[in-house]
Each structure stands twice: as C-alpha cells, then as structure tokens.
Amino acid sequence: MHIAILVPSHKSFISQFLPNQDLNNLPLGFAGAPFIGTLITELLSQNHQVTAITNSRVVNNDYTVKKFNSGNFSWIVVPQRPHSFRMNGNKIGYILDFFAYEQNLMASCIREIAPDFVHAHWSYEFAGAALKSGRPCLVTVHDNANKVLRFFKNLYRFGRLLMAEHNLKQVRFASTVSPYMQAYTEKRCKAVKVIANPVLISASAAEVAASVLIKSQTLAAPRLIMINNGWDARKNGMSALLAFKQLQQQLPNATLHLFGDGSEPNGLANQEARPLGLSNVTYYGAVPHSQLMEEIRQAHVLIHPALEESFGVVLIEAMSCGVPVIAGVNSGAVPWVVNDERLLVDVSKPEQIVQKTLALLSDTNGYQQMSNQAYSNVSTRFSSKSVVDAYLSYYHEILRAW
C-alpha cells in the first residue's frame, strides 16, 4: 500500500530514511513529533511505500516544494510562510487564512502522487490538506484545541481552535491517542477509534532488568530527567524545580537534567530557576532524538510535572527503557499511559513530587519492581508493531467504507 502521512516531520529523524542525502542539504522540516519516525520505520519494515509530507518555514524567500526519495520512502516539504500575522512579502500571515496556502500546496502534492491512503496527524493544517485532497483519509486527533487555548490565551491559538472545529466536522473517520481524548473527538467526528502513540521496543525484558539492577545500586546519587516541549504553565516545570530544591536536602548527590524547548542553558527554565539557587542542574535544550534516548537510558527516574497531556510520548519512551515515571494523577491521559497508581501524584504540589521520589529511591527492591513493570506496561500496550497493525486494520476498514 502507498500511504501518505501528513505530519510535522524534521530532518533530524527523517534523514535516517534518506541515506542518499546529505543531512546539511535537507530543509529543516518541522519539529515536535519524532515518534512519527517510529511509525514510518514499522510501515517500511512491512514493505509499504511511505510518503511523508510536512511544512517548513521559508528561508531566503524560497517558496519551492522540495522532494526527496530513497527506496520506498519519499519526503515532500512544502513552504510555510514565516509569519503568522505579519505580511510575508505579498502573502498574508498564515493564521489569517488558516494556513490556506500551505494546505492547498499539500493537497496538490497528495493528488499528484495519488496514494492509496492518507493519514493526517493533528486536526489543523494537515487534516485540512487531507480533506481537500479528496483521497481516502484518516485524521488522528492528538490534542484538544479548547484546552490548549485555556493554557495559551492568544489570537493564534484561537485561530487554531477555529481550524480544528471546522476540520473535524468534515472528518468521516478519526482516531485519537487515548480514552481521555475520546469524548472530545466523538462529539465532532462520525467514527472514532482509540489507537495509542507508538514506541520502538529496542531492548528485551532481560536487558532492561539487567540495566535496572545496575542503576538500583546507585539510588543515593540519582540521575533525574525532565523533558518538556516548551516551558509554560501547562508543562508546569517550576513545580519540578521546587521539588528538586527540597529533594536535595535529603539527597545532596542527586542531579537533574532538563531537555526540550525552553530548557536551553540560557532558556526560560534556567531564568526561572536562578532565584532558587539550585545546584546539580544541567540544561540541554532540544537535542537529537537519538541523544535524548541515550540520556533517558542513563536516568534513574523521569519527573513529568505536566498538568495536562492528551498522551505523552516521553512517558512511553522512558518506560520502554525501564525508567519509572513520576507524573500527574489528574493530568489528562497520563494515568492511563503510566498505568501504575503508585507513581502518580498531584504535580501542582512540589511536596508530593518530593515524597514520591524519595519513596521510590529509598526502596531498592521496589525500585526494581516498578522499573521492570514500567517496561512490561509499554512493551505490551504501545509497541510500534501493535500500533501500526491497529492503524493498518483501520485503513482497510475505511477503504471498504469509502
């Protein structure tokens, strides 16, 4: 089957599918969804042809569509106007026409390649392009635009909400990534299935158990990790920083490692942390996904203070390495993903994060048990093969009904 995937895709993980291209010569693409590389890997391993279509901010006024291919994989990058509200030469800001220029380009590309099936991720410009193409399609709803607007009260997010509401009313077949998102999606779309996000299971249970055993011997000097795509009220990172300050009174050798946009050496996280006088904190910012996974493997615990998640891919990435996750009991889909109430707290209260972290790190046997259970939870529920098989089954169901 030839499957077109419309989704934010970035050269940092797309380049693995284009060994015939120089990474430096590829356009940036769009960051934010490295798990799509996991989906593409699995689809290609099952001998499907995959075309990934993304947008990329225009550089040097270059509005050409760029196409790359290697074997059964193609990457199409359409130009996105640089400014959301300001004029872009003779083109208006992209939110003012709801990404109409970008949507039309993507829809034209789809019609040109004529794939058997189109899978659009998120309910915004990619969903709009899939609908405009006229090809059989599935839209996966990854977030609730109403809740996003509550955390980011600005005109841009209001425009995104209007896009989502307009698109979802036209969607015949949708999926969403957790039961938490199901009611929102079912109110807007005719047919909805819950299909989770995937993770690559790269280690066996025995390998993870061996790694956990080694790490359990160094719990007095734990390596804590926090990964946030953005530093804002929804991600609630300050709660974790306040918790770490308290935690250091009990575990002075603990270290905290922050990754993601906003966690750069001079980023927002560091600026907000300075008045706290924290020590043993390292800020990395956004790093290549392969490096991030290596950092996760070395960690003892992932602290995830987000107040709301529609899924939370970093949770399953950590658990796939046997790293237990301390996260929010009231944080949307998080309890369903983590699937272990022993690790859940009210993340708006730093003292609860501290208490849970100390309890986990003070019990060697309990740490080993919960770490291995985290791996088992992910490998049985979120493996890339099981997720892609569920999508393919839905694709065929949609094609029969289309």
Protein backbone atom coordinates (compact mmCIF):
# COMPACT_ATOMS: atom_id res chain seq x y z
CA MET A 1 0.00 0.00 0.00
CA HIS A 2 1.18 3.55 -0.71
CA ILE A 3 0.50 5.63 2.39
CA ALA A 4 0.90 9.40 2.59
CA ILE A 5 1.48 10.67 6.13
CA LEU A 6 0.80 14.36 6.73
CA VAL A 7 2.55 15.35 9.93
CA PRO A 8 5.25 17.60 11.36
CA SER A 9 8.48 15.86 10.38
CA HIS A 10 12.01 17.13 10.92
CA LYS A 11 15.23 16.25 9.17
CA SER A 12 16.77 15.12 12.48
CA PHE A 13 14.77 11.89 12.29
CA ILE A 14 13.73 11.85 8.64
CA SER A 15 17.34 11.70 7.43
CA GLN A 16 17.61 8.06 8.55
CA PHE A 17 15.22 7.17 5.72
CA LEU A 18 17.22 9.17 3.17
CA PRO A 19 20.73 7.69 3.29
CA ASN A 20 21.39 9.09 -0.20
CA GLN A 21 21.05 12.68 1.03
CA ASP A 22 23.47 14.95 2.87
CA LEU A 23 21.82 15.98 6.15
CA ASN A 24 23.16 19.52 5.77
CA ASN A 25 21.39 19.93 2.43
CA LEU A 26 17.97 18.88 3.67
CA PRO A 27 15.39 21.51 4.67
CA LEU A 28 14.66 21.64 8.39
CA GLY A 29 11.08 20.44 8.19
CA PHE A 30 9.02 20.85 11.33
CA ALA A 31 9.98 19.64 14.80
CA GLY A 32 7.78 18.19 17.51
CA ALA A 33 6.81 14.65 16.53
CA PRO A 34 9.81 12.28 16.45
CA PHE A 35 7.53 9.31 17.20
CA ILE A 36 6.44 9.58 13.56
CA GLY A 37 9.84 8.13 12.70
CA THR A 38 8.82 5.04 14.69
CA LEU A 39 5.62 4.71 12.63
CA ILE A 40 7.49 5.13 9.36
CA THR A 41 10.11 2.55 10.36
CA GLU A 42 7.44 -0.03 11.10
CA LEU A 43 5.47 0.68 7.91
CA LEU A 44 8.60 0.34 5.78
CA SER A 45 9.55 -2.89 7.55
CA GLN A 46 6.17 -4.25 6.46
CA ASN A 47 7.01 -3.33 2.83
CA HIS A 48 4.62 -0.41 2.47
CA GLN A 49 5.51 2.66 0.41
CA VAL A 50 5.51 5.79 2.56
CA THR A 51 5.44 9.45 1.57
CA ALA A 52 5.80 11.87 4.49
CA ILE A 53 4.54 15.38 3.79
CA THR A 54 5.40 18.29 6.07
CA ASN A 55 5.78 22.04 6.07
CA SER A 56 8.95 24.04 6.75
CA ARG A 57 9.37 27.73 7.42
CA VAL A 58 10.57 29.58 4.32
CA VAL A 59 14.23 30.63 4.34
CA ASN A 60 15.63 33.26 1.96
CA ASN A 61 12.23 33.67 0.30
CA ASP A 62 12.44 30.17 -1.22
CA TYR A 63 8.84 29.06 -1.79
CA THR A 64 9.61 25.92 -3.80
CA VAL A 65 8.25 22.49 -2.88
CA LYS A 66 11.14 20.13 -2.18
CA LYS A 67 11.01 16.36 -2.79
CA PHE A 68 13.42 13.60 -1.75
CA ASN A 69 13.20 9.86 -2.02
CA SER A 70 15.10 6.65 -1.29
CA GLY A 71 13.66 3.21 -1.92
CA ASN A 72 10.07 3.01 -0.67
CA PHE A 73 10.29 6.32 1.20
CA SER A 74 9.69 9.88 -0.02
CA TRP A 75 9.75 13.18 1.84
CA ILE A 76 7.86 16.18 0.50
CA VAL A 77 8.48 19.54 2.15
CA VAL A 78 6.11 22.41 1.35
CA PRO A 79 6.97 26.03 2.16
CA GLN A 80 5.30 27.65 5.17
CA ARG A 81 5.13 31.41 5.36
CA PRO A 82 7.45 32.65 8.13
CA HIS A 83 5.00 34.97 9.89
CA SER A 84 1.64 34.12 11.43
CA PHE A 85 0.11 37.64 11.45
CA ARG A 86 2.57 39.92 9.64
CA MET A 87 2.79 40.13 5.87
CA ASN A 88 5.17 37.72 4.14
CA GLY A 89 6.06 39.78 1.07
CA ASN A 90 2.82 39.70 -0.90
CA LYS A 91 1.36 36.88 1.24
CA ILE A 92 -0.66 37.47 4.40
CA GLY A 93 0.15 35.81 7.72
CA TYR A 94 -0.66 32.12 7.72
CA ILE A 95 -3.10 32.14 10.64
CA LEU A 96 -5.16 34.88 8.96
CA ASP A 97 -6.26 32.49 6.20
CA PHE A 98 -5.97 29.38 8.41
CA PHE A 99 -2.93 28.00 6.55
CA ALA A 100 -4.87 28.02 3.25
CA TYR A 101 -1.73 28.50 1.14
CA GLU A 102 0.09 25.61 2.87
CA GLN A 103 -2.99 23.38 2.84
CA ASN A 104 -3.53 23.88 -0.89
CA LEU A 105 0.09 23.02 -1.64
CA MET A 106 -0.07 19.83 0.44
CA ALA A 107 -3.40 18.82 -1.10
CA SER A 108 -1.95 19.35 -4.58
CA CYS A 109 1.03 17.15 -3.70
CA ILE A 110 -1.31 14.42 -2.49
CA ARG A 111 -3.35 14.49 -5.67
CA GLU A 112 -0.16 14.37 -7.72
CA ILE A 113 1.24 11.24 -6.03
CA ALA A 114 -2.23 9.62 -5.72
CA PRO A 115 -1.51 7.42 -2.67
CA ASP A 116 -3.81 4.57 -1.72
CA PHE A 117 -4.41 6.16 1.67
CA VAL A 118 -3.76 9.46 3.51
CA HIS A 119 -3.13 9.64 7.24
CA ALA A 120 -3.13 13.16 8.72
CA HIS A 121 -1.93 13.81 12.26
CA TRP A 122 -3.36 16.66 14.36
CA SER A 123 -6.59 18.40 13.44
CA TYR A 124 -5.18 21.58 11.94
CA GLU A 125 -3.42 22.28 8.61
CA PHE A 126 -2.55 18.63 7.98
CA ALA A 127 -6.13 17.49 8.50
CA GLY A 128 -7.35 20.31 6.25
CA ALA A 129 -4.98 19.30 3.46
CA ALA A 130 -6.03 15.65 3.69
CA LEU A 131 -9.69 16.61 3.46
CA LYS A 132 -9.06 18.91 0.50
CA SER A 133 -7.19 16.18 -1.39
CA GLY A 134 -10.33 14.07 -1.80
CA ARG A 135 -8.35 10.85 -1.14
CA PRO A 136 -9.45 8.22 1.43
CA CYS A 137 -8.11 9.50 4.74
CA LEU A 138 -7.83 9.12 8.48
CA VAL A 139 -7.29 12.05 10.84
CA THR A 140 -5.61 11.36 14.18
CA VAL A 141 -6.58 13.89 16.84
CA HIS A 142 -3.64 14.48 19.18
CA ASP A 143 -4.93 17.34 21.31
CA ASN A 144 -7.99 19.24 22.46
CA ALA A 145 -7.80 22.72 20.94
CA ASN A 146 -10.16 24.11 23.60
CA LYS A 147 -7.88 23.03 26.44
CA VAL A 148 -4.78 24.24 24.62
CA LEU A 149 -6.40 27.68 24.33
CA ARG A 150 -7.02 27.75 28.09
CA PHE A 151 -3.29 27.46 28.70
CA PHE A 152 -2.28 29.78 25.82
CA LYS A 153 -4.82 32.59 25.69
CA ASN A 154 -3.85 34.34 22.45
CA LEU A 155 -5.27 35.02 19.00
CA TYR A 156 -3.05 32.44 17.33
CA ARG A 157 -4.38 29.61 19.48
CA PHE A 158 -7.94 30.89 18.94
CA GLY A 159 -7.33 30.65 15.19
CA ARG A 160 -6.04 27.09 15.67
CA LEU A 161 -9.20 26.22 17.58
CA LEU A 162 -11.38 27.52 14.74
CA MET A 163 -9.36 25.43 12.27
CA ALA A 164 -9.83 22.29 14.34
CA GLU A 165 -13.56 22.79 14.79
CA HIS A 166 -14.03 23.42 11.05
CA ASN A 167 -11.97 20.40 10.02
CA LEU A 168 -13.30 17.87 12.50
CA LYS A 169 -16.89 18.48 11.45
CA GLN A 170 -15.90 17.22 7.98
CA VAL A 171 -13.95 14.17 9.14
CA ARG A 172 -15.63 10.85 8.40
CA PHE A 173 -13.03 8.66 10.10
CA ALA A 174 -10.87 9.68 13.03
CA SER A 175 -8.65 8.15 15.64
CA THR A 176 -7.34 9.60 18.85
CA VAL A 177 -4.49 8.62 21.10
CA SER A 178 -6.13 7.92 24.48
CA PRO A 179 -9.52 7.35 26.13
CA TYR A 180 -9.06 10.79 27.70
CA MET A 181 -9.41 12.28 24.20
CA GLN A 182 -12.27 10.05 23.08
CA ALA A 183 -15.27 12.10 24.23
CA TYR A 184 -13.88 15.31 22.67
CA THR A 185 -13.27 13.58 19.35
CA GLU A 186 -16.57 11.69 19.25
CA LYS A 187 -18.52 14.93 19.67
CA ARG A 188 -17.00 16.17 16.41
CA CYS A 189 -16.31 13.17 14.19
CA LYS A 190 -18.54 10.43 12.86
CA ALA A 191 -16.35 7.37 13.54
CA VAL A 192 -13.58 7.26 16.14
CA LYS A 193 -11.14 4.61 17.36
CA VAL A 194 -8.58 4.91 20.14
CA ILE A 195 -5.12 3.99 18.81
CA ALA A 196 -2.20 4.96 21.04
CA ASN A 197 1.09 6.53 20.04
CA PRO A 198 3.92 4.05 19.42
CA VAL A 199 7.36 3.47 20.87
CA LEU A 200 10.20 1.38 19.50
CA ILE A 201 10.92 -1.51 21.87
CA SER A 202 14.68 -1.72 21.34
CA ALA A 203 15.64 -3.82 24.37
CA SER A 204 14.45 -7.16 25.73
CA ALA A 205 12.96 -7.62 29.19
CA ALA A 206 16.18 -9.30 30.31
CA GLU A 207 18.33 -6.43 29.04
CA VAL A 208 16.16 -3.87 30.80
CA ALA A 209 16.18 -5.89 34.02
CA ALA A 210 19.98 -6.00 33.93
CA SER A 211 20.17 -2.24 33.43
CA VAL A 212 17.70 -1.63 36.25
CA LEU A 213 19.71 -3.86 38.58
CA ILE A 214 22.85 -1.81 37.94
CA LYS A 215 21.07 1.51 38.44
CA SER A 216 19.41 0.30 41.64
CA GLN A 217 22.87 0.21 43.25
CA THR A 218 23.29 3.98 42.84
CA LEU A 219 19.96 5.32 44.13
CA ALA A 220 21.74 7.55 46.67
CA ALA A 221 23.03 9.65 43.75
CA PRO A 222 20.07 9.51 41.37
CA ARG A 223 20.10 10.98 37.88
CA LEU A 224 16.68 12.62 37.40
CA ILE A 225 15.50 13.72 33.99
CA MET A 226 12.77 16.09 32.84
CA ILE A 227 11.69 16.52 29.19
CA ASN A 228 9.31 19.32 28.21
CA ASN A 229 8.43 20.52 24.73
CA GLY A 230 8.07 24.10 25.89
CA TRP A 231 8.33 25.83 29.25
CA ASP A 232 4.88 27.10 30.09
CA ALA A 233 2.00 26.86 32.57
CA ARG A 234 0.70 23.62 31.05
CA LYS A 235 4.08 21.87 31.35
CA ASN A 236 4.34 23.10 34.96
CA GLY A 237 8.11 22.75 35.09
CA MET A 238 8.52 25.09 38.07
CA SER A 239 6.85 22.51 40.32
CA ALA A 240 9.61 20.05 39.48
CA LEU A 241 12.34 22.64 40.11
CA LEU A 242 10.84 23.49 43.51
CA ALA A 243 10.59 19.78 44.27
CA PHE A 244 14.23 19.23 43.32
CA LYS A 245 15.34 22.00 45.70
CA GLN A 246 13.56 20.18 48.54
CA LEU A 247 14.81 16.80 47.38
CA GLN A 248 18.43 17.93 47.58
CA GLN A 249 18.10 18.32 51.34
CA GLN A 250 17.64 14.55 51.55
CA LEU A 251 19.73 13.52 48.52
CA PRO A 252 22.53 16.09 48.08
CA ASN A 253 24.15 13.99 45.33
CA ALA A 254 21.02 13.97 43.13
CA THR A 255 21.32 15.60 39.71
CA LEU A 256 18.58 16.99 37.47
CA HIS A 257 18.84 17.08 33.66
CA LEU A 258 16.41 19.20 31.62
CA PHE A 259 15.69 18.70 27.93
CA GLY A 260 13.40 20.30 25.35
CA ASP A 261 12.48 23.74 24.05
CA GLY A 262 12.78 26.28 26.85
CA SER A 263 15.39 24.22 28.73
CA GLU A 264 18.44 25.60 26.94
CA PRO A 265 21.46 26.75 29.01
CA ASN A 266 20.07 30.31 28.93
CA GLY A 267 16.43 29.41 28.32
CA LEU A 268 13.25 30.15 30.26
CA ALA A 269 13.73 27.23 32.65
CA ASN A 270 17.17 28.43 33.67
CA GLN A 271 15.98 32.01 34.05
CA GLU A 272 13.14 30.96 36.34
CA ALA A 273 15.40 28.64 38.33
CA ARG A 274 18.10 31.21 39.13
CA PRO A 275 16.32 32.76 42.15
CA LEU A 276 16.07 29.25 43.65
CA GLY A 277 19.84 28.89 43.84
CA LEU A 278 19.78 25.32 42.58
CA SER A 279 22.91 23.23 42.19
CA ASN A 280 23.48 19.99 40.23
CA VAL A 281 21.08 21.06 37.45
CA THR A 282 22.09 20.83 33.77
CA TYR A 283 20.15 22.45 30.93
CA TYR A 284 20.44 20.90 27.47
CA GLY A 285 17.55 22.30 25.42
CA ALA A 286 16.39 20.40 22.35
CA VAL A 287 18.77 17.62 21.29
CA PRO A 288 18.61 14.96 18.53
CA HIS A 289 16.20 12.18 19.39
CA SER A 290 18.94 9.54 19.42
CA GLN A 291 20.87 11.54 22.02
CA LEU A 292 17.71 12.05 24.07
CA MET A 293 17.03 8.32 24.18
CA GLU A 294 20.59 7.68 25.39
CA GLU A 295 20.10 10.25 28.14
CA ILE A 296 16.83 8.56 29.12
CA ARG A 297 18.54 5.17 29.36
CA GLN A 298 21.04 6.58 31.83
CA ALA A 299 18.37 8.14 34.06
CA HIS A 300 17.00 6.68 37.28
CA VAL A 301 13.64 8.49 37.17
CA LEU A 302 11.68 10.72 34.77
CA ILE A 303 9.87 13.57 36.51
CA HIS A 304 6.90 14.68 34.39
CA PRO A 305 5.05 17.60 36.01
CA ALA A 306 2.69 18.46 33.11
CA LEU A 307 -0.82 19.44 34.22
CA GLU A 308 -2.45 18.07 31.05
CA GLU A 309 -1.42 15.61 28.37
CA SER A 310 -3.50 14.04 25.62
CA PHE A 311 -0.96 11.20 25.64
CA GLY A 312 2.69 11.99 26.49
CA VAL A 313 5.17 10.22 24.21
CA VAL A 314 8.10 10.91 26.57
CA LEU A 315 6.35 8.73 29.15
CA ILE A 316 6.42 5.62 26.98
CA GLU A 317 9.92 6.39 25.74
CA ALA A 318 11.18 6.42 29.33
CA MET A 319 9.25 3.32 30.36
CA SER A 320 10.49 1.42 27.30
CA CYS A 321 13.96 1.78 28.86
CA GLY A 322 12.79 0.65 32.30
CA VAL A 323 12.81 4.19 33.68
CA PRO A 324 9.91 4.76 36.10
CA VAL A 325 7.85 7.94 35.66
CA ILE A 326 6.55 10.16 38.45
CA ALA A 327 3.67 12.10 36.91
CA GLY A 328 0.26 13.68 37.42
CA VAL A 329 -2.70 11.76 38.80
CA ASN A 330 -5.03 14.41 37.32
CA SER A 331 -3.04 15.16 34.15
CA GLY A 332 -5.36 14.03 31.37
CA ALA A 333 -4.22 10.79 29.75
CA VAL A 334 -1.16 10.40 31.99
CA PRO A 335 -2.68 7.90 34.48
CA TRP A 336 -3.87 5.68 31.60
CA VAL A 337 -0.43 5.71 29.99
CA VAL A 338 1.62 5.21 33.17
CA ASN A 339 -0.84 2.58 34.40
CA ASP A 340 0.66 2.44 37.92
CA GLU A 341 -1.07 4.48 40.62
CA ARG A 342 1.96 4.04 42.89
CA LEU A 343 3.83 6.57 40.72
CA LEU A 344 1.11 9.23 40.41
CA VAL A 345 0.84 12.45 42.43
CA ASP A 346 -0.75 15.88 42.33
CA VAL A 347 2.03 17.54 40.33
CA SER A 348 0.80 21.02 41.26
CA LYS A 349 2.18 20.30 44.76
CA PRO A 350 6.00 20.02 44.78
CA GLU A 351 5.99 18.32 48.17
CA GLN A 352 4.09 15.37 46.70
CA ILE A 353 6.69 15.01 43.93
CA VAL A 354 9.39 15.01 46.62
CA GLN A 355 7.64 12.42 48.78
CA LYS A 356 7.02 10.07 45.85
CA THR A 357 10.60 10.43 44.55
CA LEU A 358 12.09 9.72 47.99
CA ALA A 359 9.81 6.71 48.49
CA LEU A 360 10.83 5.28 45.11
CA LEU A 361 14.55 5.83 45.60
CA SER A 362 14.67 4.59 49.20
CA ASP A 363 13.41 1.08 48.36
CA THR A 364 15.83 -0.86 46.14
CA ASN A 365 13.52 -3.83 45.61
CA GLY A 366 10.53 -1.57 44.99
CA TYR A 367 12.52 0.49 42.51
CA GLN A 368 13.48 -2.62 40.57
CA GLN A 369 9.92 -3.93 40.58
CA MET A 370 8.36 -0.66 39.39
CA SER A 371 11.04 -0.13 36.75
CA ASN A 372 10.52 -3.59 35.26
CA GLN A 373 6.76 -3.14 35.48
CA ALA A 374 7.07 0.11 33.51
CA TYR A 375 8.84 -1.75 30.71
CA SER A 376 6.22 -4.52 30.72
CA ASN A 377 3.40 -1.96 30.57
CA VAL A 378 4.83 -0.27 27.48
CA SER A 379 6.00 -3.37 25.61
CA THR A 380 2.57 -4.97 25.85
CA ARG A 381 0.47 -1.88 25.09
CA PHE A 382 2.42 0.59 22.94
CA SER A 383 4.90 -1.29 20.75
CA SER A 384 5.31 0.12 17.25
CA LYS A 385 4.15 -3.15 15.67
CA SER A 386 0.91 -3.33 17.64
CA VAL A 387 0.12 0.33 16.96
CA VAL A 388 0.87 0.12 13.21
CA ASP A 389 -1.12 -3.11 12.91
CA ALA A 390 -4.09 -1.34 14.50
CA TYR A 391 -3.74 1.57 12.07
CA LEU A 392 -3.48 -0.74 9.05
CA SER A 393 -6.62 -2.60 10.12
CA TYR A 394 -8.43 0.73 10.38
CA TYR A 395 -7.09 1.86 6.99
CA HIS A 396 -8.61 -1.21 5.33
CA GLU A 397 -11.90 -0.68 7.15
CA ILE A 398 -12.00 2.92 5.92
CA LEU A 399 -11.15 1.93 2.35
CA ARG A 400 -14.01 -0.58 2.32
CA ALA A 401 -16.43 2.11 3.53
CA TRP A 402 -15.09 4.96 1.38
